[in-house]
Amino acid sequence: MTKASRILDFYKNVDFDGELPDNIHLLNPYKDHPEIQDSVYQFYNKYYNDEKPRHLILGINPGRLGAGATGIPFTDTKRLQDICDIQVSGKTTHEPSSVFVYEMIDAFGGPELFYQHFYINSVCPLGFVKKSEEKLVNYNYYDSTVLTSVVSQFIIDNIRQQIDIAGTTDVCYCLGTGKNFKYLNKINTIYHFFDEIVPLEHPRYIMQYRTMQKARYIEDYVEKLQKIL
């Protein structure tokens, strides 16, 4: 099986049926938005239609405007259309994290080269939203100890599946130097998923609080990612 077929099979079947805390709702773009299936199929067959191993990059969990809208981690509809040349039906989304990631990918050498070596997913492959003042806002798996506990086995099972898809365990890159890295490092000491986990500052944090230093962060990403080449 190609990487593309393995990834598409994973997304076709991924779901969570556990009981979530009050006011927390599951974000499963692969079931909630069937219109994205075509763009997901095109993306992974374009960049992963081979059997070459990749190194994992694990974010937190999908957000509403990135993977929540396209099914592809850290890829909003603008980047999917303008950079990956894959058309998207439905609403147009702009996510700052996606802006950073694709500027970094460009600095690395472009999507074709980048995706030959890396496979981006998340510690938790499905996202969460919380209703606040009559609107839905993103919610992370670590934002409450109750939610973390509820989804912990789901997370562990997911990481095992992502390792099986990626085919490498020497180095994993973690997006987020705080709670995401702390949690991933904690469970790695128990389950020994990876020989090494390299933390990278989360794109959302960079774009929200360190925009003026974006070029430095891109340089840091590229330098650390190129070490596996």
Foldseek 3Di string as FASTA:
>chain_A
DWLLVLVLVCLCPDDDDFDAPPQKDWQNLVPVPVQLSVLSSVVCCVQTVHHQFAAEEAEFEDFCQACSQRVAPLHGQVCSCPAVVGHGDDDGGDDQLSVLVQVLCVVLPGDNVNSSHYGYAHLQRIWMWGQDPNDTGTDTCVNDPRSVVRCVVVSVVVLVSVCVSNVDAAEYEYADPPPRVVVVVVVCVVVVRHNYYHYAHHSVCCSVPPVVCSVVSSVVVSVVSVVVD
